Amino acid sequence: MYTKHRSYTLAGKEHYHARVMVDPTGYLHIDIMEESDELDGEFESLSFKTQDRKTELTCQDAEHDWRIALQGQDARELVTLIEEAKEEYETLMRDLC
């Protein structure tokens, strides 16, 4: 069970770069390089909404409220990584019982 790391170029005219870390314990961490901004969120607080060729990733919970725009392909990869992380965590918990 390892944290998976990816680098994405955000959608939009600025083309900022984001380092994304998917933690199998249920957390996402995003570091936007040009803004020195760090975004965190639990998997359960994330939502993806696709329009045209970009996808808006939103986190809304009591502690975090943010949104970023991803390229469609990057968003699909991120959804897959999150699903894989959830499955890995569930497998580990079952194995421990």
N, C-alpha and C. Protein backbone atom coordinates (compact mmCIF):
# COMPACT_ATOMS: atom_id res chain seq x y z
N MET A 1 0.85 -1.17 0.00
CA MET A 1 0.00 0.00 0.00
C MET A 1 0.90 1.24 0.00
N TYR A 2 0.95 1.89 -1.14
CA TYR A 2 1.83 3.03 -1.31
C TYR A 2 1.05 4.25 -1.79
N THR A 3 1.55 5.42 -1.42
CA THR A 3 1.01 6.66 -1.95
C THR A 3 1.44 6.77 -3.40
N LYS A 4 0.49 7.10 -4.26
CA LYS A 4 0.81 7.25 -5.69
C LYS A 4 0.95 8.72 -6.01
N HIS A 5 1.96 9.05 -6.80
CA HIS A 5 2.28 10.42 -7.15
C HIS A 5 2.12 10.63 -8.64
N ARG A 6 1.53 11.75 -9.00
CA ARG A 6 1.40 12.13 -10.41
C ARG A 6 1.62 13.63 -10.53
N SER A 7 2.01 14.04 -11.73
CA SER A 7 2.13 15.47 -12.05
C SER A 7 1.19 15.76 -13.20
N TYR A 8 0.39 16.81 -13.05
CA TYR A 8 -0.57 17.20 -14.06
C TYR A 8 -0.42 18.68 -14.37
N THR A 9 -0.75 19.05 -15.60
CA THR A 9 -0.88 20.45 -15.97
C THR A 9 -2.37 20.78 -15.89
N LEU A 10 -2.71 21.77 -15.10
CA LEU A 10 -4.11 22.12 -14.89
C LEU A 10 -4.71 22.75 -16.15
N ALA A 11 -5.99 22.53 -16.35
CA ALA A 11 -6.70 23.15 -17.46
C ALA A 11 -6.86 24.63 -17.15
N GLY A 12 -6.97 25.44 -18.15
CA GLY A 12 -7.10 26.88 -17.96
C GLY A 12 -5.96 27.61 -18.64
N LYS A 13 -6.09 28.90 -18.72
CA LYS A 13 -5.10 29.68 -19.47
C LYS A 13 -3.75 29.79 -18.76
N GLU A 14 -3.70 29.58 -17.45
CA GLU A 14 -2.42 29.70 -16.74
C GLU A 14 -1.54 28.47 -16.92
N HIS A 15 -2.14 27.30 -17.13
CA HIS A 15 -1.41 26.03 -17.28
C HIS A 15 -0.49 25.77 -16.09
N TYR A 16 -1.01 25.98 -14.89
CA TYR A 16 -0.24 25.69 -13.69
C TYR A 16 0.05 24.19 -13.59
N HIS A 17 1.08 23.87 -12.84
CA HIS A 17 1.48 22.47 -12.64
C HIS A 17 1.09 22.03 -11.24
N ALA A 18 0.54 20.83 -11.16
CA ALA A 18 0.11 20.29 -9.88
C ALA A 18 0.75 18.94 -9.63
N ARG A 19 1.28 18.78 -8.45
CA ARG A 19 1.76 17.47 -8.00
C ARG A 19 0.64 16.88 -7.15
N VAL A 20 0.20 15.70 -7.51
CA VAL A 20 -0.93 15.07 -6.86
C VAL A 20 -0.46 13.80 -6.16
N MET A 21 -0.88 13.64 -4.91
CA MET A 21 -0.57 12.44 -4.14
C MET A 21 -1.86 11.78 -3.69
N VAL A 22 -2.03 10.52 -4.05
CA VAL A 22 -3.21 9.75 -3.68
C VAL A 22 -2.78 8.79 -2.57
N ASP A 23 -3.27 9.05 -1.37
CA ASP A 23 -2.93 8.24 -0.20
C ASP A 23 -4.00 7.16 -0.02
N PRO A 24 -3.61 5.90 0.00
CA PRO A 24 -4.58 4.81 0.11
C PRO A 24 -5.43 4.84 1.38
N THR A 25 -5.07 5.64 2.36
CA THR A 25 -5.89 5.72 3.57
C THR A 25 -7.08 6.65 3.38
N GLY A 26 -7.25 7.20 2.16
CA GLY A 26 -8.44 7.97 1.86
C GLY A 26 -8.24 9.46 1.69
N TYR A 27 -7.03 9.89 1.43
CA TYR A 27 -6.76 11.33 1.30
C TYR A 27 -6.07 11.66 -0.02
N LEU A 28 -6.38 12.85 -0.51
CA LEU A 28 -5.76 13.40 -1.71
C LEU A 28 -5.03 14.68 -1.30
N HIS A 29 -3.80 14.83 -1.76
CA HIS A 29 -3.03 16.04 -1.50
C HIS A 29 -2.56 16.58 -2.84
N ILE A 30 -2.79 17.88 -3.06
CA ILE A 30 -2.38 18.53 -4.30
C ILE A 30 -1.53 19.74 -3.97
N ASP A 31 -0.39 19.82 -4.62
CA ASP A 31 0.53 20.94 -4.46
C ASP A 31 0.59 21.67 -5.80
N ILE A 32 0.06 22.90 -5.84
CA ILE A 32 0.10 23.70 -7.06
C ILE A 32 1.38 24.51 -7.03
N MET A 33 2.29 24.15 -7.90
CA MET A 33 3.66 24.65 -7.85
C MET A 33 3.77 26.17 -7.97
N GLU A 34 3.12 26.77 -8.96
CA GLU A 34 3.28 28.19 -9.22
C GLU A 34 2.68 29.06 -8.13
N GLU A 35 1.71 28.55 -7.41
CA GLU A 35 1.07 29.34 -6.37
C GLU A 35 1.52 28.97 -4.96
N SER A 36 2.38 27.98 -4.85
CA SER A 36 2.78 27.46 -3.54
C SER A 36 1.54 27.19 -2.69
N ASP A 37 0.53 26.62 -3.34
CA ASP A 37 -0.75 26.34 -2.70
C ASP A 37 -0.88 24.85 -2.49
N GLU A 38 -1.33 24.44 -1.32
CA GLU A 38 -1.53 23.03 -1.02
C GLU A 38 -3.01 22.80 -0.72
N LEU A 39 -3.56 21.78 -1.38
CA LEU A 39 -4.96 21.44 -1.21
C LEU A 39 -5.05 20.01 -0.71
N ASP A 40 -5.92 19.78 0.25
CA ASP A 40 -6.12 18.45 0.81
C ASP A 40 -7.61 18.13 0.82
N GLY A 41 -7.90 16.85 0.78
CA GLY A 41 -9.29 16.43 0.88
C GLY A 41 -9.41 14.93 1.03
N GLU A 42 -10.50 14.52 1.66
CA GLU A 42 -10.80 13.11 1.79
C GLU A 42 -11.49 12.64 0.52
N PHE A 43 -11.28 11.38 0.17
CA PHE A 43 -11.90 10.84 -1.03
C PHE A 43 -13.41 11.07 -1.03
N GLU A 44 -14.03 10.89 0.11
CA GLU A 44 -15.49 11.00 0.20
C GLU A 44 -15.99 12.42 -0.03
N SER A 45 -15.11 13.41 0.06
CA SER A 45 -15.50 14.81 -0.12
C SER A 45 -15.24 15.32 -1.54
N LEU A 46 -14.72 14.45 -2.39
CA LEU A 46 -14.36 14.86 -3.75
C LEU A 46 -15.50 14.59 -4.73
N SER A 47 -15.61 15.47 -5.72
CA SER A 47 -16.55 15.22 -6.81
C SER A 47 -15.91 15.71 -8.12
N PHE A 48 -16.26 15.04 -9.20
CA PHE A 48 -15.75 15.35 -10.53
C PHE A 48 -16.92 15.73 -11.42
N LYS A 49 -16.78 16.84 -12.15
CA LYS A 49 -17.81 17.28 -13.08
C LYS A 49 -17.14 17.63 -14.40
N THR A 50 -17.53 16.94 -15.46
CA THR A 50 -16.90 17.11 -16.76
C THR A 50 -17.73 18.02 -17.66
N GLN A 51 -17.03 18.96 -18.30
CA GLN A 51 -17.62 19.83 -19.32
C GLN A 51 -16.59 20.00 -20.42
N ASP A 52 -17.02 19.75 -21.65
CA ASP A 52 -16.14 19.82 -22.80
C ASP A 52 -14.94 18.90 -22.58
N ARG A 53 -13.73 19.45 -22.68
CA ARG A 53 -12.54 18.61 -22.53
C ARG A 53 -11.85 18.79 -21.19
N LYS A 54 -12.52 19.44 -20.25
CA LYS A 54 -11.92 19.60 -18.93
C LYS A 54 -12.88 19.09 -17.86
N THR A 55 -12.31 18.76 -16.72
CA THR A 55 -13.09 18.23 -15.61
C THR A 55 -12.76 19.05 -14.37
N GLU A 56 -13.80 19.49 -13.68
CA GLU A 56 -13.60 20.24 -12.45
C GLU A 56 -13.62 19.27 -11.27
N LEU A 57 -12.55 19.30 -10.50
CA LEU A 57 -12.44 18.50 -9.28
C LEU A 57 -12.74 19.44 -8.12
N THR A 58 -13.73 19.05 -7.32
CA THR A 58 -14.18 19.88 -6.21
C THR A 58 -14.07 19.09 -4.91
N CYS A 59 -13.65 19.78 -3.85
CA CYS A 59 -13.64 19.21 -2.52
C CYS A 59 -14.47 20.12 -1.63
N GLN A 60 -15.47 19.53 -0.97
CA GLN A 60 -16.29 20.32 -0.05
C GLN A 60 -16.55 19.49 1.19
N ASP A 61 -16.02 19.96 2.30
CA ASP A 61 -16.32 19.38 3.60
C ASP A 61 -16.14 20.47 4.65
N ALA A 62 -16.22 20.11 5.90
CA ALA A 62 -16.15 21.10 6.98
C ALA A 62 -14.82 21.85 7.00
N GLU A 63 -13.73 21.18 6.61
CA GLU A 63 -12.40 21.80 6.69
C GLU A 63 -11.88 22.34 5.36
N HIS A 64 -12.34 21.79 4.24
CA HIS A 64 -11.78 22.14 2.95
C HIS A 64 -12.87 22.52 1.96
N ASP A 65 -12.60 23.55 1.18
CA ASP A 65 -13.51 23.97 0.12
C ASP A 65 -12.66 24.54 -1.00
N TRP A 66 -12.44 23.74 -2.03
CA TRP A 66 -11.62 24.18 -3.15
C TRP A 66 -12.06 23.49 -4.43
N ARG A 67 -11.56 24.02 -5.55
CA ARG A 67 -11.84 23.41 -6.85
C ARG A 67 -10.68 23.72 -7.80
N ILE A 68 -10.41 22.75 -8.66
CA ILE A 68 -9.40 22.92 -9.70
C ILE A 68 -9.93 22.31 -10.98
N ALA A 69 -9.39 22.73 -12.11
CA ALA A 69 -9.79 22.20 -13.41
C ALA A 69 -8.66 21.32 -13.96
N LEU A 70 -9.01 20.09 -14.31
CA LEU A 70 -8.06 19.14 -14.87
C LEU A 70 -8.40 18.85 -16.32
N GLN A 71 -7.39 18.47 -17.09
CA GLN A 71 -7.64 17.96 -18.43
C GLN A 71 -8.43 16.66 -18.29
N GLY A 72 -9.29 16.36 -19.25
CA GLY A 72 -10.15 15.19 -19.18
C GLY A 72 -9.40 13.89 -18.94
N GLN A 73 -8.31 13.67 -19.66
CA GLN A 73 -7.53 12.44 -19.52
C GLN A 73 -6.89 12.34 -18.13
N ASP A 74 -6.38 13.44 -17.62
CA ASP A 74 -5.78 13.45 -16.28
C ASP A 74 -6.84 13.15 -15.21
N ALA A 75 -8.02 13.70 -15.38
CA ALA A 75 -9.11 13.46 -14.42
C ALA A 75 -9.49 11.98 -14.42
N ARG A 76 -9.57 11.38 -15.61
CA ARG A 76 -9.91 9.95 -15.68
C ARG A 76 -8.84 9.10 -14.99
N GLU A 77 -7.57 9.46 -15.19
CA GLU A 77 -6.50 8.72 -14.52
C GLU A 77 -6.60 8.89 -13.01
N LEU A 78 -6.90 10.09 -12.55
CA LEU A 78 -7.01 10.34 -11.12
C LEU A 78 -8.17 9.56 -10.51
N VAL A 79 -9.30 9.51 -11.19
CA VAL A 79 -10.43 8.72 -10.71
C VAL A 79 -10.01 7.25 -10.56
N THR A 80 -9.29 6.74 -11.54
CA THR A 80 -8.81 5.35 -11.49
C THR A 80 -7.86 5.14 -10.31
N LEU A 81 -6.95 6.07 -10.09
CA LEU A 81 -6.01 5.96 -8.96
C LEU A 81 -6.75 5.95 -7.63
N ILE A 82 -7.76 6.80 -7.50
CA ILE A 82 -8.53 6.85 -6.26
C ILE A 82 -9.28 5.54 -6.05
N GLU A 83 -9.89 5.01 -7.10
CA GLU A 83 -10.61 3.74 -6.98
C GLU A 83 -9.66 2.60 -6.61
N GLU A 84 -8.49 2.57 -7.22
CA GLU A 84 -7.50 1.55 -6.89
C GLU A 84 -7.05 1.67 -5.43
N ALA A 85 -6.85 2.91 -4.97
CA ALA A 85 -6.43 3.13 -3.58
C ALA A 85 -7.51 2.64 -2.62
N LYS A 86 -8.78 2.90 -2.94
CA LYS A 86 -9.87 2.42 -2.09
C LYS A 86 -9.88 0.90 -2.02
N GLU A 87 -9.69 0.25 -3.16
CA GLU A 87 -9.68 -1.21 -3.21
C GLU A 87 -8.50 -1.78 -2.42
N GLU A 88 -7.32 -1.17 -2.56
CA GLU A 88 -6.14 -1.63 -1.81
C GLU A 88 -6.39 -1.54 -0.31
N TYR A 89 -6.98 -0.42 0.12
CA TYR A 89 -7.26 -0.22 1.54
C TYR A 89 -8.26 -1.25 2.05
N GLU A 90 -9.32 -1.48 1.29
CA GLU A 90 -10.32 -2.47 1.69
C GLU A 90 -9.71 -3.85 1.77
N THR A 91 -8.86 -4.20 0.83
CA THR A 91 -8.19 -5.51 0.84
C THR A 91 -7.32 -5.64 2.07
N LEU A 92 -6.56 -4.61 2.38
CA LEU A 92 -5.71 -4.65 3.56
C LEU A 92 -6.53 -4.83 4.81
N MET A 93 -7.62 -4.09 4.95
CA MET A 93 -8.46 -4.21 6.14
C MET A 93 -9.07 -5.60 6.27
N ARG A 94 -9.49 -6.19 5.14
CA ARG A 94 -10.03 -7.56 5.18
C ARG A 94 -8.94 -8.56 5.61
N ASP A 95 -7.73 -8.37 5.09
CA ASP A 95 -6.63 -9.28 5.42
C ASP A 95 -6.24 -9.19 6.89
N LEU A 96 -6.43 -8.04 7.49
CA LEU A 96 -6.06 -7.85 8.89
C LEU A 96 -7.08 -8.47 9.85
N CYS A 97 -8.29 -8.70 9.37
CA CYS A 97 -9.34 -9.28 10.24
C CYS A 97 -9.19 -10.76 10.41
